[in-house]
N, C-alpha and C. Protein backbone atom coordinates (compact mmCIF):
# COMPACT_ATOMS: atom_id res chain seq x y z
N MET A 1 -0.03 -25.46 13.90
CA MET A 1 -0.41 -26.10 15.14
C MET A 1 0.68 -25.82 16.18
N SER A 2 0.32 -25.19 17.30
CA SER A 2 1.28 -24.80 18.31
C SER A 2 1.74 -26.01 19.14
N ASP A 3 2.89 -25.83 19.81
CA ASP A 3 3.39 -26.90 20.68
C ASP A 3 2.40 -27.21 21.79
N PHE A 4 1.78 -26.17 22.34
CA PHE A 4 0.80 -26.38 23.41
C PHE A 4 -0.37 -27.23 22.93
N THR A 5 -0.86 -26.95 21.73
CA THR A 5 -1.97 -27.70 21.15
C THR A 5 -1.58 -29.16 20.94
N ILE A 6 -0.38 -29.38 20.44
CA ILE A 6 0.09 -30.75 20.18
C ILE A 6 0.22 -31.52 21.49
N ILE A 7 0.78 -30.88 22.52
CA ILE A 7 0.94 -31.56 23.81
C ILE A 7 -0.42 -31.85 24.45
N ALA A 8 -1.34 -30.89 24.38
CA ALA A 8 -2.68 -31.10 24.93
C ALA A 8 -3.37 -32.25 24.21
N LEU A 9 -3.23 -32.29 22.90
CA LEU A 9 -3.80 -33.38 22.10
C LEU A 9 -3.17 -34.71 22.50
N ALA A 10 -1.85 -34.73 22.65
CA ALA A 10 -1.14 -35.95 23.02
C ALA A 10 -1.58 -36.46 24.39
N VAL A 11 -1.76 -35.55 25.34
CA VAL A 11 -2.20 -35.94 26.68
C VAL A 11 -3.61 -36.53 26.61
N GLY A 12 -4.49 -35.89 25.86
CA GLY A 12 -5.85 -36.41 25.69
C GLY A 12 -5.86 -37.80 25.10
N LEU A 13 -5.03 -38.02 24.08
CA LEU A 13 -4.97 -39.33 23.43
C LEU A 13 -4.33 -40.38 24.34
N ALA A 14 -3.47 -39.94 25.24
CA ALA A 14 -2.76 -40.89 26.11
C ALA A 14 -3.61 -41.37 27.28
N MET A 15 -4.76 -40.77 27.51
CA MET A 15 -5.57 -41.14 28.68
C MET A 15 -6.04 -42.60 28.64
N ASP A 16 -6.43 -43.08 27.47
CA ASP A 16 -6.84 -44.48 27.35
C ASP A 16 -5.66 -45.41 27.65
N ALA A 17 -4.49 -45.06 27.11
CA ALA A 17 -3.29 -45.87 27.37
C ALA A 17 -2.96 -45.86 28.86
N PHE A 18 -3.13 -44.72 29.51
CA PHE A 18 -2.86 -44.58 30.94
C PHE A 18 -3.79 -45.49 31.74
N ALA A 19 -5.09 -45.46 31.41
CA ALA A 19 -6.07 -46.29 32.13
C ALA A 19 -5.79 -47.77 31.94
N VAL A 20 -5.47 -48.17 30.73
CA VAL A 20 -5.16 -49.58 30.46
C VAL A 20 -3.88 -49.99 31.18
N ALA A 21 -2.88 -49.10 31.19
CA ALA A 21 -1.62 -49.40 31.87
C ALA A 21 -1.84 -49.62 33.37
N ILE A 22 -2.74 -48.84 33.97
CA ILE A 22 -3.08 -49.04 35.39
C ILE A 22 -3.67 -50.44 35.58
N ALA A 23 -4.60 -50.81 34.69
CA ALA A 23 -5.24 -52.12 34.79
C ALA A 23 -4.21 -53.24 34.64
N VAL A 24 -3.32 -53.10 33.67
CA VAL A 24 -2.29 -54.13 33.44
C VAL A 24 -1.34 -54.19 34.62
N GLY A 25 -0.89 -53.02 35.09
CA GLY A 25 0.03 -52.99 36.23
C GLY A 25 -0.57 -53.61 37.47
N ALA A 26 -1.86 -53.43 37.67
CA ALA A 26 -2.53 -53.97 38.85
C ALA A 26 -2.68 -55.49 38.78
N THR A 27 -2.75 -56.04 37.58
CA THR A 27 -3.02 -57.48 37.45
C THR A 27 -1.77 -58.33 37.43
N LEU A 28 -0.62 -57.76 37.08
CA LEU A 28 0.61 -58.55 37.03
C LEU A 28 1.15 -58.78 38.44
N PRO A 29 1.48 -60.04 38.80
CA PRO A 29 1.99 -60.31 40.14
C PRO A 29 3.31 -59.59 40.43
N GLN A 30 4.16 -59.49 39.41
CA GLN A 30 5.44 -58.80 39.56
C GLN A 30 5.77 -58.17 38.22
N ILE A 31 6.06 -56.87 38.22
CA ILE A 31 6.35 -56.18 36.97
C ILE A 31 7.87 -56.08 36.80
N THR A 32 8.34 -56.55 35.66
CA THR A 32 9.76 -56.49 35.34
C THR A 32 10.01 -55.39 34.31
N PHE A 33 11.28 -55.14 34.05
CA PHE A 33 11.64 -54.16 33.02
C PHE A 33 11.01 -54.54 31.68
N ARG A 34 10.95 -55.83 31.37
CA ARG A 34 10.37 -56.26 30.09
C ARG A 34 8.90 -55.88 29.97
N HIS A 35 8.16 -55.99 31.07
CA HIS A 35 6.75 -55.59 31.04
C HIS A 35 6.63 -54.09 30.75
N TYR A 36 7.41 -53.30 31.48
CA TYR A 36 7.40 -51.85 31.25
C TYR A 36 7.76 -51.54 29.80
N PHE A 37 8.82 -52.18 29.32
CA PHE A 37 9.28 -51.91 27.97
C PHE A 37 8.25 -52.31 26.93
N ARG A 38 7.74 -53.55 27.02
CA ARG A 38 6.81 -54.04 26.00
C ARG A 38 5.57 -53.16 25.91
N LEU A 39 4.93 -52.89 27.04
CA LEU A 39 3.68 -52.14 27.00
C LEU A 39 3.92 -50.69 26.58
N SER A 40 4.90 -50.03 27.19
CA SER A 40 5.13 -48.62 26.86
C SER A 40 5.62 -48.46 25.42
N PHE A 41 6.50 -49.35 24.97
CA PHE A 41 6.99 -49.27 23.59
C PHE A 41 5.86 -49.45 22.60
N HIS A 42 5.04 -50.47 22.80
CA HIS A 42 3.96 -50.73 21.85
C HIS A 42 2.90 -49.64 21.88
N PHE A 43 2.52 -49.18 23.07
CA PHE A 43 1.52 -48.11 23.15
C PHE A 43 2.07 -46.84 22.49
N GLY A 44 3.33 -46.52 22.77
CA GLY A 44 3.93 -45.34 22.14
C GLY A 44 4.04 -45.49 20.63
N LEU A 45 4.46 -46.67 20.18
CA LEU A 45 4.60 -46.92 18.74
C LEU A 45 3.26 -46.81 18.02
N PHE A 46 2.23 -47.45 18.57
CA PHE A 46 0.92 -47.40 17.92
C PHE A 46 0.33 -45.99 17.95
N GLN A 47 0.55 -45.26 19.06
CA GLN A 47 0.07 -43.88 19.12
C GLN A 47 0.82 -43.01 18.12
N PHE A 48 2.06 -43.34 17.83
CA PHE A 48 2.82 -42.63 16.80
C PHE A 48 2.34 -42.99 15.40
N LEU A 49 2.12 -44.29 15.16
CA LEU A 49 1.79 -44.76 13.81
C LEU A 49 0.38 -44.40 13.36
N MET A 50 -0.59 -44.46 14.26
CA MET A 50 -1.99 -44.24 13.86
C MET A 50 -2.23 -42.87 13.23
N PRO A 51 -1.72 -41.77 13.80
CA PRO A 51 -1.93 -40.49 13.12
C PRO A 51 -1.27 -40.45 11.74
N VAL A 52 -0.12 -41.09 11.62
CA VAL A 52 0.57 -41.13 10.33
C VAL A 52 -0.28 -41.89 9.32
N ILE A 53 -0.83 -43.02 9.75
CA ILE A 53 -1.69 -43.81 8.86
C ILE A 53 -2.93 -43.01 8.47
N GLY A 54 -3.57 -42.37 9.45
CA GLY A 54 -4.74 -41.54 9.16
C GLY A 54 -4.42 -40.41 8.20
N TRP A 55 -3.26 -39.81 8.37
CA TRP A 55 -2.83 -38.70 7.51
C TRP A 55 -2.64 -39.18 6.07
N PHE A 56 -2.07 -40.37 5.90
CA PHE A 56 -1.84 -40.90 4.56
C PHE A 56 -3.10 -41.45 3.90
N LEU A 57 -3.99 -42.02 4.70
CA LEU A 57 -5.19 -42.60 4.12
C LEU A 57 -6.13 -41.55 3.55
N GLY A 58 -6.14 -40.38 4.16
CA GLY A 58 -7.03 -39.33 3.67
C GLY A 58 -8.44 -39.50 4.19
N SER A 59 -9.29 -38.60 3.80
CA SER A 59 -10.62 -38.50 4.40
C SER A 59 -11.53 -39.68 4.09
N GLN A 60 -11.56 -40.19 2.90
CA GLN A 60 -12.55 -41.20 2.51
C GLN A 60 -12.45 -42.46 3.36
N VAL A 61 -11.27 -43.06 3.39
CA VAL A 61 -11.11 -44.32 4.10
C VAL A 61 -11.25 -44.09 5.61
N THR A 62 -10.64 -43.02 6.12
CA THR A 62 -10.68 -42.77 7.55
C THR A 62 -12.08 -42.47 8.03
N GLN A 63 -12.87 -41.72 7.24
CA GLN A 63 -14.25 -41.42 7.64
C GLN A 63 -15.08 -42.69 7.70
N GLU A 64 -14.88 -43.60 6.75
CA GLU A 64 -15.58 -44.88 6.78
C GLU A 64 -15.19 -45.67 8.02
N PHE A 65 -13.88 -45.69 8.32
CA PHE A 65 -13.40 -46.43 9.48
C PHE A 65 -13.92 -45.81 10.77
N ALA A 66 -14.07 -44.49 10.79
CA ALA A 66 -14.54 -43.79 12.00
C ALA A 66 -15.95 -44.23 12.40
N ASN A 67 -16.72 -44.74 11.45
CA ASN A 67 -18.06 -45.22 11.76
C ASN A 67 -18.04 -46.51 12.58
N TYR A 68 -16.89 -47.19 12.59
CA TYR A 68 -16.81 -48.49 13.26
C TYR A 68 -15.68 -48.60 14.29
N ASP A 69 -14.81 -47.59 14.38
CA ASP A 69 -13.64 -47.71 15.26
C ASP A 69 -14.03 -47.90 16.72
N HIS A 70 -15.12 -47.26 17.16
CA HIS A 70 -15.54 -47.40 18.55
C HIS A 70 -16.02 -48.82 18.86
N TRP A 71 -16.64 -49.47 17.87
CA TRP A 71 -17.06 -50.85 18.07
C TRP A 71 -15.84 -51.77 18.19
N LEU A 72 -14.83 -51.51 17.36
CA LEU A 72 -13.60 -52.30 17.42
C LEU A 72 -12.89 -52.11 18.76
N ALA A 73 -12.77 -50.87 19.21
CA ALA A 73 -12.13 -50.59 20.50
C ALA A 73 -12.89 -51.27 21.63
N PHE A 74 -14.22 -51.20 21.59
CA PHE A 74 -15.05 -51.85 22.61
C PHE A 74 -14.84 -53.36 22.61
N ALA A 75 -14.83 -53.96 21.42
CA ALA A 75 -14.66 -55.42 21.32
C ALA A 75 -13.29 -55.85 21.84
N LEU A 76 -12.24 -55.13 21.46
CA LEU A 76 -10.90 -55.51 21.88
C LEU A 76 -10.73 -55.36 23.40
N LEU A 77 -11.10 -54.19 23.93
CA LEU A 77 -10.93 -53.94 25.37
C LEU A 77 -11.80 -54.88 26.20
N SER A 78 -13.03 -55.07 25.78
CA SER A 78 -13.94 -55.93 26.54
C SER A 78 -13.49 -57.39 26.53
N SER A 79 -13.03 -57.86 25.38
CA SER A 79 -12.60 -59.27 25.32
C SER A 79 -11.39 -59.51 26.21
N ILE A 80 -10.47 -58.58 26.24
CA ILE A 80 -9.30 -58.74 27.12
C ILE A 80 -9.72 -58.59 28.58
N GLY A 81 -10.66 -57.67 28.86
CA GLY A 81 -11.18 -57.51 30.22
C GLY A 81 -11.86 -58.77 30.71
N VAL A 82 -12.68 -59.37 29.87
CA VAL A 82 -13.36 -60.62 30.24
C VAL A 82 -12.33 -61.72 30.46
N LYS A 83 -11.29 -61.77 29.62
CA LYS A 83 -10.24 -62.76 29.78
C LYS A 83 -9.52 -62.57 31.11
N MET A 84 -9.25 -61.31 31.49
CA MET A 84 -8.61 -61.04 32.78
C MET A 84 -9.48 -61.52 33.93
N LEU A 85 -10.78 -61.25 33.84
CA LEU A 85 -11.70 -61.71 34.88
C LEU A 85 -11.70 -63.23 34.98
N HIS A 86 -11.75 -63.89 33.82
CA HIS A 86 -11.75 -65.35 33.79
C HIS A 86 -10.45 -65.91 34.37
N ASP A 87 -9.32 -65.35 33.93
CA ASP A 87 -8.03 -65.83 34.43
C ASP A 87 -7.92 -65.66 35.94
N THR A 88 -8.39 -64.53 36.45
CA THR A 88 -8.33 -64.29 37.89
C THR A 88 -9.22 -65.27 38.64
N ALA A 89 -10.40 -65.53 38.11
CA ALA A 89 -11.33 -66.43 38.78
C ALA A 89 -10.84 -67.87 38.78
N THR A 90 -10.14 -68.27 37.74
CA THR A 90 -9.72 -69.67 37.63
C THR A 90 -8.30 -69.92 38.13
N HIS A 91 -7.54 -68.88 38.34
CA HIS A 91 -6.15 -69.05 38.76
C HIS A 91 -6.09 -69.21 40.27
N ARG A 92 -5.55 -70.32 40.73
CA ARG A 92 -5.53 -70.60 42.17
C ARG A 92 -4.21 -70.21 42.82
N ASP A 93 -3.11 -70.43 42.10
CA ASP A 93 -1.80 -70.19 42.68
C ASP A 93 -1.21 -68.93 42.07
N GLU A 94 -0.90 -67.93 42.92
CA GLU A 94 -0.42 -66.65 42.43
C GLU A 94 1.01 -66.70 41.90
N SER A 95 1.76 -67.72 42.22
CA SER A 95 3.15 -67.78 41.77
C SER A 95 3.50 -69.17 41.27
N THR A 96 4.57 -69.26 40.50
CA THR A 96 5.06 -70.54 40.01
C THR A 96 6.26 -70.96 40.84
N ALA A 97 6.86 -72.08 40.50
CA ALA A 97 7.93 -72.66 41.31
C ALA A 97 9.08 -71.70 41.58
N ARG A 98 9.51 -70.93 40.58
CA ARG A 98 10.64 -70.02 40.78
C ARG A 98 10.21 -68.57 40.81
N GLY A 99 8.96 -68.31 41.11
CA GLY A 99 8.49 -66.93 41.20
C GLY A 99 8.29 -66.26 39.85
N GLU A 100 8.25 -67.04 38.78
CA GLU A 100 8.05 -66.47 37.46
C GLU A 100 6.57 -66.20 37.23
N LEU A 101 6.28 -65.43 36.21
CA LEU A 101 4.88 -65.14 35.88
C LEU A 101 4.19 -66.38 35.37
N GLN A 102 2.87 -66.30 35.38
CA GLN A 102 2.08 -67.39 34.83
C GLN A 102 2.34 -67.48 33.33
N ALA A 103 1.71 -68.44 32.68
CA ALA A 103 1.88 -68.64 31.25
C ALA A 103 1.61 -67.35 30.50
N SER A 104 2.27 -67.18 29.37
CA SER A 104 2.21 -65.92 28.64
C SER A 104 0.79 -65.54 28.23
N VAL A 105 -0.11 -66.50 28.11
CA VAL A 105 -1.48 -66.15 27.75
C VAL A 105 -2.15 -65.33 28.85
N LYS A 106 -1.64 -65.41 30.08
CA LYS A 106 -2.21 -64.65 31.18
C LYS A 106 -1.50 -63.31 31.36
N ASP A 107 -0.47 -63.06 30.59
CA ASP A 107 0.30 -61.82 30.67
C ASP A 107 -0.18 -60.88 29.56
N PRO A 108 -0.89 -59.79 29.90
CA PRO A 108 -1.43 -58.91 28.87
C PRO A 108 -0.37 -58.10 28.12
N THR A 109 0.91 -58.21 28.50
CA THR A 109 1.94 -57.49 27.77
C THR A 109 2.61 -58.37 26.72
N ARG A 110 1.94 -59.45 26.35
CA ARG A 110 2.53 -60.36 25.37
C ARG A 110 1.50 -60.76 24.31
N LYS A 111 2.01 -61.13 23.16
CA LYS A 111 1.25 -61.73 22.07
C LYS A 111 0.01 -60.93 21.67
N TRP A 112 -1.08 -61.63 21.44
CA TRP A 112 -2.30 -61.00 20.91
C TRP A 112 -2.88 -59.97 21.85
N SER A 113 -2.80 -60.20 23.15
CA SER A 113 -3.32 -59.22 24.11
C SER A 113 -2.61 -57.89 23.96
N LEU A 114 -1.31 -57.91 23.80
CA LEU A 114 -0.53 -56.69 23.65
C LEU A 114 -0.91 -55.94 22.38
N ILE A 115 -1.04 -56.65 21.28
CA ILE A 115 -1.42 -56.01 20.01
C ILE A 115 -2.84 -55.46 20.10
N SER A 116 -3.75 -56.23 20.68
CA SER A 116 -5.15 -55.77 20.82
C SER A 116 -5.24 -54.51 21.66
N LEU A 117 -4.55 -54.50 22.78
CA LEU A 117 -4.57 -53.31 23.65
C LEU A 117 -3.93 -52.12 22.94
N SER A 118 -2.87 -52.36 22.20
CA SER A 118 -2.20 -51.27 21.48
C SER A 118 -3.11 -50.66 20.43
N ILE A 119 -3.83 -51.50 19.71
CA ILE A 119 -4.76 -51.00 18.69
C ILE A 119 -5.92 -50.26 19.36
N ALA A 120 -6.51 -50.89 20.37
CA ALA A 120 -7.68 -50.31 21.02
C ALA A 120 -7.39 -48.94 21.63
N THR A 121 -6.20 -48.76 22.19
CA THR A 121 -5.90 -47.48 22.83
C THR A 121 -5.42 -46.42 21.86
N SER A 122 -5.22 -46.78 20.59
CA SER A 122 -4.69 -45.79 19.64
C SER A 122 -5.63 -45.49 18.47
N LEU A 123 -6.83 -46.03 18.48
CA LEU A 123 -7.75 -45.79 17.36
C LEU A 123 -8.13 -44.32 17.21
N ASP A 124 -8.27 -43.60 18.32
CA ASP A 124 -8.60 -42.18 18.24
C ASP A 124 -7.52 -41.40 17.50
N ALA A 125 -6.29 -41.86 17.61
CA ALA A 125 -5.18 -41.17 16.95
C ALA A 125 -5.29 -41.23 15.43
N LEU A 126 -5.99 -42.23 14.92
CA LEU A 126 -6.20 -42.33 13.47
C LEU A 126 -7.00 -41.14 12.97
N ALA A 127 -8.06 -40.79 13.70
CA ALA A 127 -8.87 -39.63 13.33
C ALA A 127 -8.09 -38.33 13.47
N VAL A 128 -7.18 -38.29 14.45
CA VAL A 128 -6.33 -37.10 14.61
C VAL A 128 -5.47 -36.92 13.37
N GLY A 129 -4.95 -38.02 12.84
CA GLY A 129 -4.16 -37.94 11.61
C GLY A 129 -4.95 -37.36 10.46
N LEU A 130 -6.21 -37.73 10.35
CA LEU A 130 -7.08 -37.15 9.33
C LEU A 130 -7.25 -35.66 9.54
N SER A 131 -7.50 -35.25 10.78
CA SER A 131 -7.70 -33.83 11.08
C SER A 131 -6.46 -33.02 10.73
N VAL A 132 -5.31 -33.55 11.06
CA VAL A 132 -4.06 -32.86 10.75
C VAL A 132 -3.88 -32.74 9.25
N ALA A 133 -4.26 -33.79 8.52
CA ALA A 133 -4.15 -33.74 7.06
C ALA A 133 -5.07 -32.67 6.48
N LEU A 134 -6.28 -32.55 7.03
CA LEU A 134 -7.22 -31.54 6.54
C LEU A 134 -6.73 -30.13 6.83
N LEU A 135 -5.96 -29.97 7.91
CA LEU A 135 -5.39 -28.67 8.24
C LEU A 135 -4.12 -28.38 7.45
N GLU A 136 -3.73 -29.36 6.63
CA GLU A 136 -2.52 -29.27 5.82
C GLU A 136 -1.29 -28.98 6.68
N VAL A 137 -1.18 -29.74 7.77
CA VAL A 137 -0.05 -29.65 8.69
C VAL A 137 0.76 -30.93 8.55
N GLU A 138 2.08 -30.81 8.65
CA GLU A 138 2.94 -32.00 8.62
C GLU A 138 2.61 -32.88 9.82
N ILE A 139 2.74 -34.18 9.66
CA ILE A 139 2.28 -35.13 10.68
C ILE A 139 3.39 -35.69 11.56
N ILE A 140 4.63 -35.69 11.10
CA ILE A 140 5.68 -36.40 11.83
C ILE A 140 5.92 -35.82 13.22
N TYR A 141 6.10 -34.52 13.34
CA TYR A 141 6.36 -33.92 14.65
C TYR A 141 5.20 -34.17 15.63
N PRO A 142 3.94 -33.88 15.25
CA PRO A 142 2.86 -34.19 16.19
C PRO A 142 2.80 -35.68 16.55
N SER A 143 3.06 -36.57 15.60
CA SER A 143 3.01 -38.01 15.87
C SER A 143 4.09 -38.44 16.84
N VAL A 144 5.29 -37.86 16.70
CA VAL A 144 6.38 -38.18 17.62
C VAL A 144 6.00 -37.75 19.04
N VAL A 145 5.45 -36.55 19.17
CA VAL A 145 5.04 -36.06 20.49
C VAL A 145 3.94 -36.94 21.07
N ILE A 146 2.95 -37.30 20.25
CA ILE A 146 1.85 -38.17 20.69
C ILE A 146 2.40 -39.52 21.16
N GLY A 147 3.32 -40.10 20.40
CA GLY A 147 3.90 -41.38 20.78
C GLY A 147 4.70 -41.31 22.07
N LEU A 148 5.51 -40.27 22.23
CA LEU A 148 6.32 -40.12 23.44
C LEU A 148 5.47 -39.88 24.68
N VAL A 149 4.43 -39.08 24.54
CA VAL A 149 3.54 -38.84 25.69
C VAL A 149 2.81 -40.12 26.07
N ALA A 150 2.37 -40.90 25.08
CA ALA A 150 1.71 -42.18 25.38
C ALA A 150 2.67 -43.12 26.08
N LEU A 151 3.92 -43.16 25.63
CA LEU A 151 4.93 -44.01 26.26
C LEU A 151 5.11 -43.60 27.73
N LEU A 152 5.25 -42.30 27.98
CA LEU A 152 5.44 -41.81 29.34
C LEU A 152 4.23 -42.11 30.23
N PHE A 153 3.03 -41.85 29.72
CA PHE A 153 1.82 -42.10 30.50
C PHE A 153 1.63 -43.60 30.78
N THR A 154 2.07 -44.44 29.86
CA THR A 154 1.99 -45.88 30.07
C THR A 154 2.90 -46.31 31.20
N LEU A 155 4.12 -45.79 31.22
CA LEU A 155 5.05 -46.11 32.30
C LEU A 155 4.50 -45.68 33.66
N ILE A 156 3.97 -44.46 33.70
CA ILE A 156 3.39 -43.94 34.95
C ILE A 156 2.18 -44.78 35.36
N GLY A 157 1.33 -45.12 34.41
CA GLY A 157 0.14 -45.92 34.70
C GLY A 157 0.49 -47.30 35.23
N MET A 158 1.50 -47.93 34.62
CA MET A 158 1.91 -49.26 35.10
C MET A 158 2.46 -49.18 36.52
N ARG A 159 3.23 -48.15 36.79
CA ARG A 159 3.80 -47.99 38.14
C ARG A 159 2.68 -47.80 39.16
N PHE A 160 1.73 -46.93 38.82
CA PHE A 160 0.58 -46.71 39.71
C PHE A 160 -0.22 -48.00 39.87
N GLY A 161 -0.43 -48.71 38.78
CA GLY A 161 -1.18 -49.97 38.82
C GLY A 161 -0.49 -51.02 39.67
N ALA A 162 0.85 -51.06 39.63
CA ALA A 162 1.60 -52.02 40.45
C ALA A 162 1.37 -51.74 41.94
N GLN A 163 1.37 -50.46 42.30
CA GLN A 163 1.09 -50.09 43.70
C GLN A 163 -0.33 -50.48 44.08
N LEU A 164 -1.26 -50.20 43.18
CA LEU A 164 -2.66 -50.55 43.41
C LEU A 164 -2.80 -52.06 43.60
N GLY A 165 -2.10 -52.83 42.78
CA GLY A 165 -2.15 -54.29 42.87
C GLY A 165 -1.65 -54.80 44.21
N ARG A 166 -0.62 -54.15 44.75
CA ARG A 166 -0.10 -54.56 46.07
C ARG A 166 -1.12 -54.27 47.17
N TRP A 167 -1.84 -53.17 47.03
CA TRP A 167 -2.81 -52.78 48.05
C TRP A 167 -4.02 -53.69 48.06
N ILE A 168 -4.49 -54.07 46.89
CA ILE A 168 -5.75 -54.81 46.86
C ILE A 168 -5.59 -56.30 46.57
N GLY A 169 -4.35 -56.76 46.37
CA GLY A 169 -4.09 -58.18 46.23
C GLY A 169 -4.77 -58.83 45.04
N LYS A 170 -5.36 -60.01 45.26
CA LYS A 170 -5.96 -60.79 44.17
C LYS A 170 -7.11 -60.05 43.49
N ALA A 171 -7.76 -59.16 44.24
CA ALA A 171 -8.87 -58.40 43.64
C ALA A 171 -8.38 -57.52 42.50
N ALA A 172 -7.06 -57.30 42.39
CA ALA A 172 -6.50 -56.48 41.31
C ALA A 172 -6.85 -57.06 39.94
N GLY A 173 -6.86 -58.39 39.83
CA GLY A 173 -7.23 -59.01 38.55
C GLY A 173 -8.64 -58.67 38.15
N TYR A 174 -9.53 -58.68 39.13
CA TYR A 174 -10.92 -58.30 38.85
C TYR A 174 -11.02 -56.82 38.50
N CYS A 175 -10.30 -55.99 39.25
CA CYS A 175 -10.32 -54.54 38.98
C CYS A 175 -9.79 -54.24 37.58
N GLY A 176 -8.68 -54.91 37.21
CA GLY A 176 -8.11 -54.69 35.88
C GLY A 176 -9.08 -55.06 34.77
N GLY A 177 -9.73 -56.21 34.92
CA GLY A 177 -10.72 -56.63 33.92
C GLY A 177 -11.89 -55.68 33.83
N VAL A 178 -12.39 -55.24 34.98
CA VAL A 178 -13.52 -54.30 35.01
C VAL A 178 -13.12 -52.97 34.39
N ILE A 179 -11.90 -52.48 34.68
CA ILE A 179 -11.44 -51.20 34.11
C ILE A 179 -11.45 -51.28 32.59
N LEU A 180 -10.95 -52.38 32.03
CA LEU A 180 -10.91 -52.51 30.57
C LEU A 180 -12.32 -52.56 29.96
N ILE A 181 -13.22 -53.29 30.60
CA ILE A 181 -14.60 -53.38 30.10
C ILE A 181 -15.28 -52.01 30.19
N VAL A 182 -15.10 -51.32 31.31
CA VAL A 182 -15.70 -49.99 31.49
C VAL A 182 -15.13 -49.00 30.48
N LEU A 183 -13.81 -49.07 30.24
CA LEU A 183 -13.19 -48.19 29.25
C LEU A 183 -13.76 -48.46 27.86
N GLY A 184 -13.92 -49.74 27.51
CA GLY A 184 -14.53 -50.08 26.22
C GLY A 184 -15.94 -49.56 26.11
N LEU A 185 -16.73 -49.70 27.18
CA LEU A 185 -18.10 -49.18 27.19
C LEU A 185 -18.13 -47.66 27.07
N LYS A 186 -17.21 -47.00 27.77
CA LYS A 186 -17.13 -45.53 27.71
C LYS A 186 -16.87 -45.06 26.28
N ILE A 187 -15.91 -45.70 25.61
CA ILE A 187 -15.61 -45.34 24.23
C ILE A 187 -16.83 -45.55 23.35
N LEU A 188 -17.48 -46.70 23.49
CA LEU A 188 -18.65 -47.03 22.68
C LEU A 188 -19.79 -46.05 22.93
N ILE A 189 -20.13 -45.83 24.18
CA ILE A 189 -21.28 -44.96 24.52
C ILE A 189 -21.02 -43.53 24.11
N SER A 190 -19.80 -43.03 24.35
CA SER A 190 -19.53 -41.63 23.99
C SER A 190 -19.62 -41.42 22.48
N GLU A 191 -19.20 -42.41 21.70
CA GLU A 191 -19.31 -42.30 20.23
C GLU A 191 -20.75 -42.41 19.76
N LEU A 192 -21.51 -43.31 20.38
CA LEU A 192 -22.91 -43.48 19.97
C LEU A 192 -23.76 -42.26 20.34
N LEU A 193 -23.42 -41.60 21.45
CA LEU A 193 -24.18 -40.41 21.87
C LEU A 193 -23.73 -39.14 21.16
N ALA A 194 -22.55 -39.19 20.54
CA ALA A 194 -22.01 -37.99 19.89
C ALA A 194 -22.81 -37.65 18.64
């Protein structure tokens, strides 16, 4: 597997992480270093781990999982998207007393939301791990590249999303929720039509 092929594959896999990072960046009132770190680290880590897991599981388990991974990605992305829409609709005050973020349940870079987004954006990488195993290629180098590209695209997406959030104000929460739901639908429909 050539370096060009691995990078092209990594960029393709990072597109979901990029789109979600834009949505997250647009919905946060103020992005701190911790937000950048948490989201990019987790997206990069999960994009690194999923191919490794797919490679070790082998064809039987991964093929069975492939029949349902798109439903799982759709459920995770859509549920977080709906939660973002709900939080935006019910949240009246954009800031707290000292300018801190709202409660952690409204911050998609924390707790269950972070894990759900990390899983949902990296499920395709599991199948890549299977493909690499079938080609009898070592998995560590491609996985490292995939993880690093996802990390980079997440940082860029969050930065772009933060700018978008400043431009469109409170509507950013609605846009972020809609982006996640549309991304979940795209994954589901493309798999069902394939």
